[in-house]
């Protein structure tokens, strides 16, 4: 019953995330225009970059808190939560100040600068929440966490929709920050901070926590998380620096929304099968684990074919209405989107199961290699003044290579490739 309720809440939260992304784009393109919207898209992307500073640290919090919680240890506290939460809070405030200083030195109008800062802050404010969610999930309070997220996302969606009806963009950012403040107040009320080591990080606890942070598997998880984020969003930071227009940035933002939709669709199927596949794998039922993996992979590939069909046939009309202007999203962009949706089905399925099976090092090495190739590709494309269509096609080609590598690693871990079975298991 709890598992079914958890999946239902996760799907609802995922749906609200997608609706917010589309509604925010719809409202801003009609308020400030498609080209000015590109500046806000960069602000959101920079806010997401702040969220990437988590770098797998919430995994440290989850593993340590879960261990202490299950052991019901009265003499030990997961002090990693205290230290990491303090670091994330300081990092968030520092990023606020850094972005504010950049805005202060800009030549834009004060109203626009305030709007950009508040939009950035409304996204970046979620960094400390990653560790708090990890603690709530580790202590079996995941339903409360999902319900709190559901209320927060619903309110933010209403605020985004209100921009179309005259709500000023600075007011949207301020209201979103107020919702974050109430969210933190509500979830902190559920946490027993004394039991979680908050405020009691003496020298012994510091040594213990940093020894935990040096764990090889957790370092690999952090490397993988950072590389994966940069692989997905690197063009957000490269396009403004190259000879590309704001329309090109808006086109990439539209492409990015398609990939997010694909991740949500494929991730739901993976989340439902991961617990059973992990149990089969750990109990030595490799044949059953292989069947589950192949079943989810086939399901996601079929879903990708359906999404690709809709994108190629109805994508141009959909994005023309969303952006309030036709021609921004070209046919090449739509084809690249369809190709990456198919690759995402393979990437998400393989990556989710590799993480569940504990193959952090393999994933980290693969992601690091793909990110290195991707950086070289986009830098060469920018220096050579490739058109945006060629730039995006090059980016998608490297991404597809990464998806194939992840599939190879997943098949090896499950013994579907015999010669690599011993090495990667």
Protein backbone atom coordinates (compact mmCIF):
# COMPACT_ATOMS: atom_id res chain seq x y z
CA UNK A 1 0.00 0.00 0.00
CA UNK A 2 2.80 2.41 0.98
CA UNK A 3 4.78 1.54 -2.14
CA UNK A 4 1.78 2.22 -4.39
CA UNK A 5 1.12 5.54 -2.64
CA UNK A 6 4.79 6.50 -3.02
CA UNK A 7 4.75 5.82 -6.77
CA UNK A 8 1.52 7.78 -7.15
CA UNK A 9 3.03 10.77 -5.35
CA UNK A 10 6.24 10.54 -7.41
CA UNK A 11 4.28 10.51 -10.68
CA UNK A 12 2.20 13.48 -9.51
CA UNK A 13 5.34 15.43 -8.55
CA UNK A 14 6.96 14.59 -11.89
CA UNK A 15 3.86 15.76 -13.75
CA UNK A 16 3.83 19.05 -11.82
CA UNK A 17 7.52 19.58 -12.62
CA UNK A 18 6.85 19.19 -16.35
CA UNK A 19 3.77 21.43 -16.18
CA UNK A 20 5.74 24.11 -14.32
CA UNK A 21 8.50 24.05 -16.96
CA UNK A 22 6.03 24.42 -19.84
CA UNK A 23 3.85 26.98 -18.04
CA UNK A 24 6.85 29.13 -17.05
CA UNK A 25 8.07 29.14 -20.67
CA UNK A 26 4.57 29.88 -22.00
CA UNK A 27 4.06 32.77 -19.58
CA UNK A 28 7.46 34.41 -20.05
CA UNK A 29 7.50 34.22 -23.86
CA UNK A 30 4.21 36.13 -23.85
CA UNK A 31 5.38 38.59 -21.21
CA UNK A 32 8.93 39.45 -22.28
CA UNK A 33 9.18 37.81 -25.74
CA UNK A 34 11.11 34.76 -26.95
CA UNK A 35 14.52 36.44 -27.16
CA UNK A 36 14.33 38.03 -23.70
CA UNK A 37 13.12 34.70 -22.33
CA UNK A 38 16.55 33.28 -23.23
CA UNK A 39 18.11 35.36 -20.43
CA UNK A 40 15.69 33.87 -17.90
CA UNK A 41 16.42 30.38 -19.25
CA UNK A 42 20.11 30.97 -18.48
CA UNK A 43 19.18 32.18 -14.97
CA UNK A 44 17.24 28.95 -14.38
CA UNK A 45 20.15 26.91 -15.78
CA UNK A 46 22.58 28.65 -13.41
CA UNK A 47 20.22 27.86 -10.55
CA UNK A 48 20.29 24.22 -11.60
CA UNK A 49 24.09 24.39 -11.61
CA UNK A 50 23.93 25.40 -7.94
CA UNK A 51 21.77 22.33 -7.28
CA UNK A 52 24.50 20.22 -8.88
CA UNK A 53 26.80 21.26 -6.02
CA UNK A 54 25.11 18.48 -4.07
CA UNK A 55 27.48 16.23 -6.08
CA UNK A 56 26.20 13.03 -4.51
CA UNK A 57 26.55 14.34 -0.94
CA UNK A 58 22.90 13.60 -0.26
CA UNK A 59 23.83 9.95 -0.91
CA UNK A 60 26.25 10.20 2.03
CA UNK A 61 23.43 11.54 4.17
CA UNK A 62 21.02 8.82 3.05
CA UNK A 63 23.40 5.87 3.53
CA UNK A 64 24.64 7.02 6.94
CA UNK A 65 21.22 8.04 8.27
CA UNK A 66 19.64 4.84 6.99
CA UNK A 67 22.31 2.71 8.65
CA UNK A 68 21.87 4.40 12.02
CA UNK A 69 18.08 4.38 11.71
CA UNK A 70 17.86 0.65 10.93
CA UNK A 71 20.33 -0.25 13.67
CA UNK A 72 18.36 1.94 16.11
CA UNK A 73 21.69 3.07 17.50
CA UNK A 74 21.31 5.23 20.59
CA UNK A 75 25.02 6.01 20.86
CA UNK A 76 25.77 6.99 17.28
CA UNK A 77 24.41 9.86 15.20
CA UNK A 78 24.73 10.47 11.44
CA UNK A 79 26.81 13.62 11.84
CA UNK A 80 27.35 13.77 8.05
CA UNK A 81 23.89 15.34 7.78
CA UNK A 82 24.88 18.21 10.05
CA UNK A 83 28.10 18.96 8.18
CA UNK A 84 26.71 18.61 4.67
CA UNK A 85 23.60 20.66 5.44
CA UNK A 86 25.78 23.47 6.79
CA UNK A 87 28.00 23.31 3.70
CA UNK A 88 25.00 23.40 1.36
CA UNK A 89 23.47 26.34 3.20
CA UNK A 90 26.72 28.33 3.06
CA UNK A 91 27.17 27.40 -0.62
CA UNK A 92 23.63 28.55 -1.45
CA UNK A 93 24.06 31.92 0.29
CA UNK A 94 27.47 32.38 -1.39
CA UNK A 95 25.93 31.72 -4.81
CA UNK A 96 23.18 34.24 -4.04
CA UNK A 97 25.79 36.89 -3.25
CA UNK A 98 27.90 36.02 -6.30
CA UNK A 99 24.94 36.21 -8.69
CA UNK A 100 23.76 39.44 -7.05
CA UNK A 101 27.20 41.00 -7.61
CA UNK A 102 27.09 39.95 -11.28
CA UNK A 103 23.62 41.48 -11.65
CA UNK A 104 24.79 44.67 -9.89
CA UNK A 105 27.50 45.17 -12.52
CA UNK A 106 25.12 44.56 -15.42
CA UNK A 107 23.71 47.31 -17.62
CA UNK A 108 20.14 46.00 -17.61
CA UNK A 109 17.30 47.87 -15.90
CA UNK A 110 16.94 47.45 -12.09
CA UNK A 111 13.55 45.75 -12.52
CA UNK A 112 14.92 43.17 -14.93
CA UNK A 113 17.97 42.54 -12.74
CA UNK A 114 15.75 42.01 -9.69
CA UNK A 115 13.56 39.61 -11.68
CA UNK A 116 16.59 37.62 -12.90
CA UNK A 117 18.05 37.39 -9.39
CA UNK A 118 14.78 36.21 -7.84
CA UNK A 119 14.22 33.63 -10.60
CA UNK A 120 17.77 32.34 -10.07
CA UNK A 121 17.30 32.29 -6.28
CA UNK A 122 13.96 30.47 -6.52
CA UNK A 123 15.75 27.55 -8.20
CA UNK A 124 19.05 27.62 -6.26
CA UNK A 125 17.24 27.72 -2.89
CA UNK A 126 16.57 24.00 -3.27
CA UNK A 127 20.18 22.91 -2.64
CA UNK A 128 19.88 22.30 1.14
CA UNK A 129 16.61 20.47 0.49
CA UNK A 130 18.49 17.58 -1.16
CA UNK A 131 19.99 16.47 2.16
CA UNK A 132 16.75 17.03 4.05
CA UNK A 133 14.84 14.85 1.58
CA UNK A 134 17.53 12.18 2.00
CA UNK A 135 17.03 12.17 5.77
CA UNK A 136 13.24 11.99 5.48
CA UNK A 137 13.47 9.11 3.01
CA UNK A 138 16.08 7.30 5.13
CA UNK A 139 13.82 7.46 8.19
CA UNK A 140 10.78 6.10 6.28
CA UNK A 141 9.08 9.50 6.20
CA UNK A 142 9.05 9.53 2.41
CA UNK A 143 5.27 10.05 2.07
CA UNK A 144 5.42 13.27 4.09
CA UNK A 145 8.35 14.39 1.94
CA UNK A 146 6.48 13.70 -1.29
CA UNK A 147 3.33 15.44 -0.01
CA UNK A 148 5.32 18.51 1.03
CA UNK A 149 6.92 18.55 -2.44
CA UNK A 150 3.49 18.16 -4.04
CA UNK A 151 2.12 21.21 -2.23
CA UNK A 152 5.24 23.27 -3.01
CA UNK A 153 5.24 22.37 -6.71
CA UNK A 154 1.50 23.03 -7.01
CA UNK A 155 1.87 26.52 -5.52
CA UNK A 156 4.84 27.33 -7.76
CA UNK A 157 2.84 26.14 -10.78
CA UNK A 158 -0.01 28.49 -9.83
CA UNK A 159 2.45 31.38 -9.48
CA UNK A 160 3.97 30.61 -12.90
CA UNK A 161 0.53 30.54 -14.50
CA UNK A 162 -0.30 33.86 -12.80
CA UNK A 163 2.49 35.58 -14.77
CA UNK A 164 0.24 35.28 -17.85
CA UNK A 165 -2.48 37.14 -15.94
CA UNK A 166 -0.31 40.05 -14.88
CA UNK A 167 1.75 38.84 -11.93
CA UNK A 168 5.15 40.62 -12.12
CA UNK A 169 8.14 38.32 -12.55
CA UNK A 170 9.86 39.67 -9.38
CA UNK A 171 6.67 38.88 -7.45
CA UNK A 172 6.76 35.33 -8.84
CA UNK A 173 10.35 34.87 -7.62
CA UNK A 174 9.59 36.34 -4.20
CA UNK A 175 6.49 34.18 -3.71
CA UNK A 176 8.47 31.08 -4.73
CA UNK A 177 11.15 31.92 -2.14
CA UNK A 178 8.44 32.33 0.50
CA UNK A 179 7.10 28.88 -0.40
CA UNK A 180 10.62 27.49 0.03
CA UNK A 181 10.79 29.16 3.47
CA UNK A 182 7.52 27.51 4.56
CA UNK A 183 8.72 24.19 3.12
CA UNK A 184 11.91 24.30 5.19
CA UNK A 185 9.92 25.30 8.28
CA UNK A 186 7.53 22.37 7.78
CA UNK A 187 10.14 19.69 7.14
CA UNK A 188 12.43 20.85 9.94
CA UNK A 189 9.49 20.30 12.24
CA UNK A 190 9.61 16.61 11.29
CA UNK A 191 13.32 16.24 11.99
CA UNK A 192 14.86 15.62 15.37
CA UNK A 193 18.05 17.59 14.74
CA UNK A 194 19.63 16.61 18.03
CA UNK A 195 19.26 12.92 17.19
CA UNK A 196 20.75 13.58 13.77
CA UNK A 197 23.92 15.12 15.15
CA UNK A 198 23.05 18.72 14.22
CA UNK A 199 25.10 21.12 16.29
CA UNK A 200 27.26 18.38 17.83
CA UNK A 201 30.06 18.07 15.26
CA UNK A 202 33.12 17.85 17.46
CA UNK A 203 36.57 16.79 16.32
CA UNK A 204 35.81 13.05 16.50
CA UNK A 205 32.61 13.47 14.51
CA UNK A 206 34.41 15.61 11.91
CA UNK A 207 37.08 12.95 11.41
CA UNK A 208 34.38 10.27 11.09
CA UNK A 209 32.33 12.29 8.61
CA UNK A 210 35.25 13.21 6.34
CA UNK A 211 36.45 9.61 6.41
CA UNK A 212 32.99 8.71 5.11
CA UNK A 213 33.27 11.35 2.38
CA UNK A 214 36.54 9.75 1.21
CA UNK A 215 34.78 6.45 0.55
CA UNK A 216 35.58 5.35 -3.02
CA UNK A 217 32.01 4.39 -3.95
CA UNK A 218 30.64 7.69 -2.73
CA UNK A 219 33.37 9.64 -4.55
CA UNK A 220 32.46 7.75 -7.72
CA UNK A 221 28.79 8.58 -7.15
CA UNK A 222 29.67 12.27 -6.78
CA UNK A 223 31.76 12.25 -9.98
CA UNK A 224 28.96 10.52 -11.88
CA UNK A 225 26.31 12.98 -10.60
CA UNK A 226 28.34 16.04 -11.62
CA UNK A 227 29.32 14.64 -15.01
CA UNK A 228 25.76 13.57 -15.80
CA UNK A 229 24.43 17.04 -14.95
CA UNK A 230 27.03 18.75 -17.13
CA UNK A 231 26.42 16.34 -20.01
CA UNK A 232 22.73 17.26 -19.98
CA UNK A 233 23.09 21.03 -19.57
CA UNK A 234 26.52 22.01 -20.96
CA UNK A 235 25.13 23.92 -24.00
CA UNK A 236 23.28 26.27 -21.63
CA UNK A 237 26.69 27.64 -20.60
CA UNK A 238 28.47 27.34 -23.96
CA UNK A 239 25.89 28.90 -26.29
CA UNK A 240 25.88 32.38 -24.64
CA UNK A 241 29.68 32.47 -24.91
CA UNK A 242 29.76 31.58 -28.61
CA UNK A 243 28.47 33.29 -31.72
CA UNK A 244 24.93 32.07 -31.17
CA UNK A 245 21.77 34.12 -30.89
CA UNK A 246 19.21 34.13 -28.11
CA UNK A 247 16.84 32.30 -30.46
CA UNK A 248 19.33 29.44 -30.59
CA UNK A 249 19.38 29.33 -26.79
CA UNK A 250 15.58 29.22 -26.72
CA UNK A 251 15.67 26.38 -29.27
CA UNK A 252 18.04 24.41 -27.04
CA UNK A 253 15.83 25.11 -24.02
CA UNK A 254 12.93 23.59 -25.94
CA UNK A 255 15.08 20.55 -26.78
CA UNK A 256 16.09 20.31 -23.10
CA UNK A 257 12.43 20.20 -22.03
CA UNK A 258 11.90 17.20 -24.32
CA UNK A 259 14.78 15.35 -22.65
CA UNK A 260 13.36 16.12 -19.18
CA UNK A 261 9.99 14.73 -20.25
CA UNK A 262 11.73 11.57 -21.46
CA UNK A 263 13.63 11.14 -18.18
CA UNK A 264 10.39 11.40 -16.19
CA UNK A 265 8.61 8.89 -18.43
CA UNK A 266 11.44 6.34 -18.43
CA UNK A 267 12.41 6.88 -14.79
CA UNK A 268 8.93 5.90 -13.57
CA UNK A 269 9.24 2.46 -15.16
CA UNK A 270 12.77 2.01 -13.78
CA UNK A 271 11.74 3.04 -10.24
CA UNK A 272 8.96 0.45 -10.22
CA UNK A 273 11.28 -2.39 -11.24
CA UNK A 274 14.51 -1.46 -9.41
CA UNK A 275 13.62 -2.94 -5.98
CA UNK A 276 12.71 -6.32 -7.48
CA UNK A 277 15.70 -6.38 -9.83
CA UNK A 278 18.06 -5.52 -6.98
CA UNK A 279 16.59 -8.30 -4.83
CA UNK A 280 16.98 -10.84 -7.65
CA UNK A 281 20.56 -9.71 -8.30
CA UNK A 282 21.63 -9.87 -4.66
CA UNK A 283 19.96 -13.26 -4.17
CA UNK A 284 21.79 -14.67 -7.19
CA UNK A 285 18.70 -14.98 -9.44
CA UNK A 286 20.57 -13.60 -12.45
CA UNK A 287 18.20 -15.05 -15.04
CA UNK A 288 15.23 -13.32 -13.45
CA UNK A 289 17.20 -10.07 -13.08
CA UNK A 290 18.11 -10.16 -16.78
CA UNK A 291 14.47 -10.68 -17.75
CA UNK A 292 13.35 -7.73 -15.66
CA UNK A 293 16.04 -5.47 -17.13
CA UNK A 294 15.20 -6.46 -20.72
CA UNK A 295 11.46 -6.06 -20.06
CA UNK A 296 11.89 -2.50 -18.75
CA UNK A 297 14.34 -1.67 -21.56
CA UNK A 298 11.87 -2.85 -24.21
CA UNK A 299 9.01 -0.96 -22.53
CA UNK A 300 11.02 2.26 -22.45
CA UNK A 301 12.16 1.85 -26.06
CA UNK A 302 8.54 1.41 -27.17
CA UNK A 303 7.62 4.51 -25.16
CA UNK A 304 10.51 6.37 -26.85
CA UNK A 305 9.22 5.39 -30.28
CA UNK A 306 5.81 6.82 -29.39
CA UNK A 307 7.29 10.05 -28.01
CA UNK A 308 9.55 10.38 -31.05
CA UNK A 309 6.58 9.97 -33.39
CA UNK A 310 4.64 12.69 -31.58
CA UNK A 311 7.66 14.99 -31.59
CA UNK A 312 8.38 14.61 -35.31
CA UNK A 313 4.77 15.00 -36.38
CA UNK A 314 3.39 17.53 -33.91
CA UNK A 315 6.50 19.10 -32.33
CA UNK A 316 6.72 22.11 -34.67
CA UNK A 317 3.12 23.14 -33.98
CA UNK A 318 3.45 22.50 -30.23
CA UNK A 319 6.59 24.62 -29.81
CA UNK A 320 5.21 27.37 -32.05
CA UNK A 321 2.26 27.71 -29.67
CA UNK A 322 4.40 27.33 -26.56
CA UNK A 323 6.96 29.98 -27.64
CA UNK A 324 4.36 32.20 -29.30
CA UNK A 325 6.49 32.26 -32.45
CA UNK A 326 6.99 29.78 -35.29
CA UNK A 327 10.36 28.82 -36.72
CA UNK A 328 12.47 28.96 -33.56
CA UNK A 329 12.56 25.17 -33.24
CA UNK A 330 13.79 23.84 -36.58
CA UNK A 331 13.24 20.45 -38.18
CA UNK A 332 16.81 19.47 -37.29
CA UNK A 333 16.17 20.30 -33.63
CA UNK A 334 13.07 18.10 -33.66
CA UNK A 335 15.00 15.22 -35.24
CA UNK A 336 17.76 15.60 -32.68
CA UNK A 337 15.10 15.59 -29.97
CA UNK A 338 13.60 12.36 -31.33
CA UNK A 339 17.06 10.74 -31.49
CA UNK A 340 17.93 11.77 -27.93
CA UNK A 341 14.59 10.49 -26.62
CA UNK A 342 15.47 7.06 -28.00
CA UNK A 343 18.98 7.31 -26.51
CA UNK A 344 17.48 8.48 -23.22
CA UNK A 345 15.41 5.29 -23.00
CA UNK A 346 18.65 3.29 -23.08
CA UNK A 347 20.60 5.73 -20.90
CA UNK A 348 18.00 6.03 -18.14
CA UNK A 349 17.24 2.30 -17.97
CA UNK A 350 20.89 1.23 -17.96
CA UNK A 351 22.03 3.98 -15.60
CA UNK A 352 19.24 3.39 -13.07
CA UNK A 353 19.96 -0.32 -12.82
CA UNK A 354 23.74 0.18 -12.68
CA UNK A 355 23.26 2.57 -9.75
CA UNK A 356 20.94 0.08 -8.05
CA UNK A 357 23.54 -2.68 -8.51
CA UNK A 358 26.26 -0.48 -7.03
CA UNK A 359 28.43 -0.06 -10.16
CA UNK A 360 29.34 3.54 -9.31
CA UNK A 361 32.93 3.33 -10.54
CA UNK A 362 31.97 2.05 -13.99
CA UNK A 363 29.35 4.76 -14.38
CA UNK A 364 31.77 7.46 -13.20
CA UNK A 365 34.48 6.42 -15.67
CA UNK A 366 32.00 6.28 -18.53
CA UNK A 367 30.44 9.67 -17.68
CA UNK A 368 33.87 11.30 -17.28
CA UNK A 369 34.99 10.06 -20.68
CA UNK A 370 31.79 11.19 -22.41
CA UNK A 371 31.95 14.61 -20.74
CA UNK A 372 35.56 15.04 -21.90
CA UNK A 373 34.63 14.19 -25.51
CA UNK A 374 31.58 16.44 -25.27
CA UNK A 375 33.59 19.44 -24.05
CA UNK A 376 36.03 19.03 -26.94
CA UNK A 377 33.12 18.70 -29.40
CA UNK A 378 31.22 21.80 -28.29
CA UNK A 379 34.40 23.90 -28.02
CA UNK A 380 35.46 22.94 -31.56
CA UNK A 381 31.91 23.61 -32.80
CA UNK A 382 31.95 27.06 -31.21
CA UNK A 383 35.41 28.00 -32.49
CA UNK A 384 34.60 26.75 -36.00
CA UNK A 385 31.35 28.78 -35.95
CA UNK A 386 29.14 25.80 -36.68
CA UNK A 387 25.50 26.66 -37.17
CA UNK A 388 23.23 25.83 -34.24
CA UNK A 389 21.79 22.82 -36.10
CA UNK A 390 25.27 21.33 -36.61
CA UNK A 391 26.21 22.22 -33.02
CA UNK A 392 23.16 20.37 -31.65
CA UNK A 393 23.66 17.40 -33.99
CA UNK A 394 27.27 17.03 -32.77
CA UNK A 395 26.16 17.25 -29.15
CA UNK A 396 23.44 14.63 -29.64
CA UNK A 397 25.85 12.26 -31.42
CA UNK A 398 28.19 12.24 -28.41
CA UNK A 399 25.23 11.78 -26.07
CA UNK A 400 24.08 8.73 -28.05
CA UNK A 401 27.58 7.22 -27.75
CA UNK A 402 27.30 7.63 -23.98
CA UNK A 403 23.94 5.85 -23.94
CA UNK A 404 25.42 2.89 -25.85
CA UNK A 405 28.31 2.74 -23.36
CA UNK A 406 25.87 2.63 -20.45
CA UNK A 407 23.92 -0.18 -22.13
CA UNK A 408 27.17 -2.10 -22.61
CA UNK A 409 28.02 -1.72 -18.92
CA UNK A 410 24.54 -2.78 -17.81
CA UNK A 411 24.61 -5.89 -20.01
CA UNK A 412 28.07 -6.73 -18.66
CA UNK A 413 26.95 -6.32 -15.04
CA UNK A 414 23.98 -8.66 -15.64
CA UNK A 415 26.11 -11.25 -17.42
CA UNK A 416 24.58 -10.67 -20.85
CA UNK A 417 28.13 -10.18 -22.17
CA UNK A 418 30.01 -13.23 -20.82
CA UNK A 419 33.57 -12.04 -21.39
CA UNK A 420 33.03 -8.99 -19.16
CA UNK A 421 30.91 -10.67 -16.49
CA UNK A 422 33.66 -11.32 -13.95
CA UNK A 423 35.36 -7.96 -14.37
CA UNK A 424 32.37 -5.66 -13.87
CA UNK A 425 30.17 -7.51 -11.40
